[in-house]
Amino acid sequence: GDKGEPAVIGTDNTVTTAFLNVAKAVAQQVAIVNANKNAIAEAEV
């Protein structure tokens, strides 16, 4: 927050919402990349 408090998840804060949306998107991309790496590794065995 403006006074140094941590941002509260679940508020109507637009910045917090945007940050969470970006974090979710990044996490999904990481999961997809890891799944692809695992699939390739198994295919090469």
PDB file of N, CA and C in Angstrom:
ATOM      1  N   GLY A   1       0.807  -1.212   0.000  1.00  0.00           N
ATOM      2  CA  GLY A   1       0.000   0.000   0.000  1.00  0.00           C
ATOM      3  C   GLY A   1       0.837   1.257   0.000  1.00  0.00           C
ATOM      4  N   ASP A   2       0.193   2.392   0.020  1.00  0.00           N
ATOM      5  CA  ASP A   2       0.916   3.664  -0.046  1.00  0.00           C
ATOM      6  C   ASP A   2       1.769   3.892   1.192  1.00  0.00           C
ATOM      7  N   LYS A   3       1.375   3.306   2.317  1.00  0.00           N
ATOM      8  CA  LYS A   3       2.103   3.528   3.570  1.00  0.00           C
ATOM      9  C   LYS A   3       3.097   2.410   3.858  1.00  0.00           C
ATOM     10  N   GLY A   4       3.300   1.532   2.888  1.00  0.00           N
ATOM     11  CA  GLY A   4       4.276   0.473   3.084  1.00  0.00           C
ATOM     12  C   GLY A   4       3.675  -0.852   3.483  1.00  0.00           C
ATOM     13  N   GLU A   5       2.348  -0.894   3.643  1.00  0.00           N
ATOM     14  CA  GLU A   5       1.754  -2.184   3.983  1.00  0.00           C
ATOM     15  C   GLU A   5       1.797  -3.092   2.764  1.00  0.00           C
ATOM     16  N   PRO A   6       1.847  -4.392   2.963  1.00  0.00           N
ATOM     17  CA  PRO A   6       1.806  -5.297   1.816  1.00  0.00           C
ATOM     18  C   PRO A   6       0.453  -5.186   1.128  1.00  0.00           C
ATOM     19  N   ALA A   7       0.459  -5.385  -0.181  1.00  0.00           N
ATOM     20  CA  ALA A   7      -0.795  -5.346  -0.924  1.00  0.00           C
ATOM     21  C   ALA A   7      -1.665  -6.520  -0.489  1.00  0.00           C
ATOM     22  N   VAL A   8      -2.942  -6.265  -0.341  1.00  0.00           N
ATOM     23  CA  VAL A   8      -3.863  -7.308   0.105  1.00  0.00           C
ATOM     24  C   VAL A   8      -4.487  -7.987  -1.104  1.00  0.00           C
ATOM     25  N   ILE A   9      -4.312  -9.290  -1.189  1.00  0.00           N
ATOM     26  CA  ILE A   9      -4.903 -10.036  -2.295  1.00  0.00           C
ATOM     27  C   ILE A   9      -6.415 -10.089  -2.097  1.00  0.00           C
ATOM     28  N   GLY A  10      -7.148  -9.877  -3.178  1.00  0.00           N
ATOM     29  CA  GLY A  10      -8.592  -9.944  -3.098  1.00  0.00           C
ATOM     30  C   GLY A  10      -9.230  -8.577  -2.961  1.00  0.00           C
ATOM     31  N   THR A  11      -8.419  -7.519  -2.975  1.00  0.00           N
ATOM     32  CA  THR A  11      -8.989  -6.175  -2.918  1.00  0.00           C
ATOM     33  C   THR A  11      -9.356  -5.728  -4.320  1.00  0.00           C
ATOM     34  N   ASP A  12      -9.962  -4.552  -4.422  1.00  0.00           N
ATOM     35  CA  ASP A  12     -10.336  -4.011  -5.729  1.00  0.00           C
ATOM     36  C   ASP A  12      -9.215  -3.172  -6.320  1.00  0.00           C
ATOM     37  N   ASN A  13      -8.026  -3.293  -5.750  1.00  0.00           N
ATOM     38  CA  ASN A  13      -6.876  -2.512  -6.222  1.00  0.00           C
ATOM     39  C   ASN A  13      -6.517  -2.948  -7.638  1.00  0.00           C
ATOM     40  N   THR A  14      -6.602  -2.025  -8.576  1.00  0.00           N
ATOM     41  CA  THR A  14      -6.353  -2.352  -9.983  1.00  0.00           C
ATOM     42  C   THR A  14      -4.934  -2.845 -10.197  1.00  0.00           C
ATOM     43  N   VAL A  15      -3.981  -2.219  -9.515  1.00  0.00           N
ATOM     44  CA  VAL A  15      -2.583  -2.620  -9.689  1.00  0.00           C
ATOM     45  C   VAL A  15      -2.376  -4.032  -9.159  1.00  0.00           C
ATOM     46  N   THR A  16      -2.967  -4.326  -8.010  1.00  0.00           N
ATOM     47  CA  THR A  16      -2.840  -5.665  -7.437  1.00  0.00           C
ATOM     48  C   THR A  16      -3.448  -6.699  -8.376  1.00  0.00           C
ATOM     49  N   THR A  17      -4.626  -6.375  -8.910  1.00  0.00           N
ATOM     50  CA  THR A  17      -5.300  -7.294  -9.829  1.00  0.00           C
ATOM     51  C   THR A  17      -4.445  -7.540 -11.062  1.00  0.00           C
ATOM     52  N   ALA A  18      -3.890  -6.471 -11.613  1.00  0.00           N
ATOM     53  CA  ALA A  18      -3.059  -6.609 -12.807  1.00  0.00           C
ATOM     54  C   ALA A  18      -1.833  -7.450 -12.498  1.00  0.00           C
ATOM     55  N   PHE A  19      -1.220  -7.208 -11.346  1.00  0.00           N
ATOM     56  CA  PHE A  19      -0.030  -7.972 -10.972  1.00  0.00           C
ATOM     57  C   PHE A  19      -0.366  -9.450 -10.839  1.00  0.00           C
ATOM     58  N   LEU A  20      -1.485  -9.748 -10.191  1.00  0.00           N
ATOM     59  CA  LEU A  20      -1.876 -11.150 -10.018  1.00  0.00           C
ATOM     60  C   LEU A  20      -2.160 -11.804 -11.361  1.00  0.00           C
ATOM     61  N   ASN A  21      -2.786 -11.056 -12.279  1.00  0.00           N
ATOM     62  CA  ASN A  21      -3.069 -11.616 -13.603  1.00  0.00           C
ATOM     63  C   ASN A  21      -1.776 -11.935 -14.335  1.00  0.00           C
ATOM     64  N   VAL A  22      -0.795 -11.046 -14.226  1.00  0.00           N
ATOM     65  CA  VAL A  22       0.499 -11.291 -14.870  1.00  0.00           C
ATOM     66  C   VAL A  22       1.169 -12.499 -14.225  1.00  0.00           C
ATOM     67  N   ALA A  23       1.130 -12.570 -12.901  1.00  0.00           N
ATOM     68  CA  ALA A  23       1.756 -13.688 -12.197  1.00  0.00           C
ATOM     69  C   ALA A  23       1.121 -15.016 -12.616  1.00  0.00           C
ATOM     70  N   LYS A  24      -0.200 -15.014 -12.754  1.00  0.00           N
ATOM     71  CA  LYS A  24      -0.891 -16.237 -13.180  1.00  0.00           C
ATOM     72  C   LYS A  24      -0.469 -16.628 -14.585  1.00  0.00           C
ATOM     73  N   ALA A  25      -0.378 -15.643 -15.476  1.00  0.00           N
ATOM     74  CA  ALA A  25       0.004 -15.926 -16.856  1.00  0.00           C
ATOM     75  C   ALA A  25       1.419 -16.482 -16.919  1.00  0.00           C
ATOM     76  N   VAL A  26       2.320 -15.896 -16.137  1.00  0.00           N
ATOM     77  CA  VAL A  26       3.706 -16.371 -16.114  1.00  0.00           C
ATOM     78  C   VAL A  26       3.754 -17.791 -15.571  1.00  0.00           C
ATOM     79  N   ALA A  27       3.018 -18.051 -14.516  1.00  0.00           N
ATOM     80  CA  ALA A  27       3.008 -19.386 -13.923  1.00  0.00           C
ATOM     81  C   ALA A  27       2.492 -20.414 -14.922  1.00  0.00           C
ATOM     82  N   GLN A  28       1.460 -20.038 -15.694  1.00  0.00           N
ATOM     83  CA  GLN A  28       0.923 -20.955 -16.697  1.00  0.00           C
ATOM     84  C   GLN A  28       1.963 -21.243 -17.767  1.00  0.00           C
ATOM     85  N   GLN A  29       2.684 -20.207 -18.196  1.00  0.00           N
ATOM     86  CA  GLN A  29       3.708 -20.398 -19.223  1.00  0.00           C
ATOM     87  C   GLN A  29       4.821 -21.299 -18.703  1.00  0.00           C
ATOM     88  N   VAL A  30       5.227 -21.088 -17.448  1.00  0.00           N
ATOM     89  CA  VAL A  30       6.274 -21.920 -16.854  1.00  0.00           C
ATOM     90  C   VAL A  30       5.814 -23.370 -16.797  1.00  0.00           C
ATOM     91  N   ALA A  31       4.558 -23.574 -16.409  1.00  0.00           N
ATOM     92  CA  ALA A  31       4.026 -24.935 -16.327  1.00  0.00           C
ATOM     93  C   ALA A  31       4.020 -25.597 -17.699  1.00  0.00           C
ATOM     94  N   ILE A  32       3.647 -24.833 -18.722  1.00  0.00           N
ATOM     95  CA  ILE A  32       3.613 -25.378 -20.084  1.00  0.00           C
ATOM     96  C   ILE A  32       5.021 -25.740 -20.542  1.00  0.00           C
ATOM     97  N   VAL A  33       5.974 -24.860 -20.293  1.00  0.00           N
ATOM     98  CA  VAL A  33       7.362 -25.118 -20.695  1.00  0.00           C
ATOM     99  C   VAL A  33       7.889 -26.355 -19.985  1.00  0.00           C
ATOM    100  N   ASN A  34       7.622 -26.458 -18.679  1.00  0.00           N
ATOM    101  CA  ASN A  34       8.098 -27.618 -17.930  1.00  0.00           C
ATOM    102  C   ASN A  34       7.454 -28.899 -18.438  1.00  0.00           C
ATOM    103  N   ALA A  35       6.173 -28.841 -18.761  1.00  0.00           N
ATOM    104  CA  ALA A  35       5.484 -30.020 -19.281  1.00  0.00           C
ATOM    105  C   ALA A  35       6.091 -30.436 -20.611  1.00  0.00           C
ATOM    106  N   ASN A  36       6.405 -29.449 -21.448  1.00  0.00           N
ATOM    107  CA  ASN A  36       7.016 -29.759 -22.740  1.00  0.00           C
ATOM    108  C   ASN A  36       8.395 -30.368 -22.551  1.00  0.00           C
ATOM    109  N   LYS A  37       9.176 -29.823 -21.613  1.00  0.00           N
ATOM    110  CA  LYS A  37      10.511 -30.370 -21.350  1.00  0.00           C
ATOM    111  C   LYS A  37      10.404 -31.816 -20.885  1.00  0.00           C
ATOM    112  N   ASN A  38       9.438 -32.085 -20.003  1.00  0.00           N
ATOM    113  CA  ASN A  38       9.264 -33.440 -19.496  1.00  0.00           C
ATOM    114  C   ASN A  38       8.858 -34.387 -20.618  1.00  0.00           C
ATOM    115  N   ALA A  39       7.981 -33.936 -21.492  1.00  0.00           N
ATOM    116  CA  ALA A  39       7.523 -34.774 -22.594  1.00  0.00           C
ATOM    117  C   ALA A  39       8.675 -35.083 -23.540  1.00  0.00           C
ATOM    118  N   ILE A  40       9.497 -34.079 -23.815  1.00  0.00           N
ATOM    119  CA  ILE A  40      10.642 -34.277 -24.711  1.00  0.00           C
ATOM    120  C   ILE A  40      11.646 -35.231 -24.066  1.00  0.00           C
ATOM    121  N   ALA A  41      11.891 -35.040 -22.779  1.00  0.00           N
ATOM    122  CA  ALA A  41      12.854 -35.891 -22.078  1.00  0.00           C
ATOM    123  C   ALA A  41      12.393 -37.346 -22.100  1.00  0.00           C
ATOM    124  N   GLU A  42      11.095 -37.572 -21.881  1.00  0.00           N
ATOM    125  CA  GLU A  42      10.578 -38.936 -21.887  1.00  0.00           C
ATOM    126  C   GLU A  42      10.634 -39.531 -23.286  1.00  0.00           C
ATOM    127  N   ALA A  43      10.408 -38.715 -24.286  1.00  0.00           N
ATOM    128  CA  ALA A  43      10.415 -39.201 -25.661  1.00  0.00           C
ATOM    129  C   ALA A  43      11.822 -39.602 -26.088  1.00  0.00           C
ATOM    130  N   GLU A  44      12.831 -38.953 -25.482  1.00  0.00           N
ATOM    131  CA  GLU A  44      14.212 -39.233 -25.878  1.00  0.00           C
ATOM    132  C   GLU A  44      14.780 -40.456 -25.175  1.00  0.00           C
ATOM    133  N   VAL A  45      14.064 -40.960 -24.169  1.00  0.00           N
ATOM    134  CA  VAL A  45      14.573 -42.129 -23.439  1.00  0.00           C
ATOM    135  C   VAL A  45      14.529 -43.346 -24.349  1.00  0.00           C
TER     136      VAL A  45
END
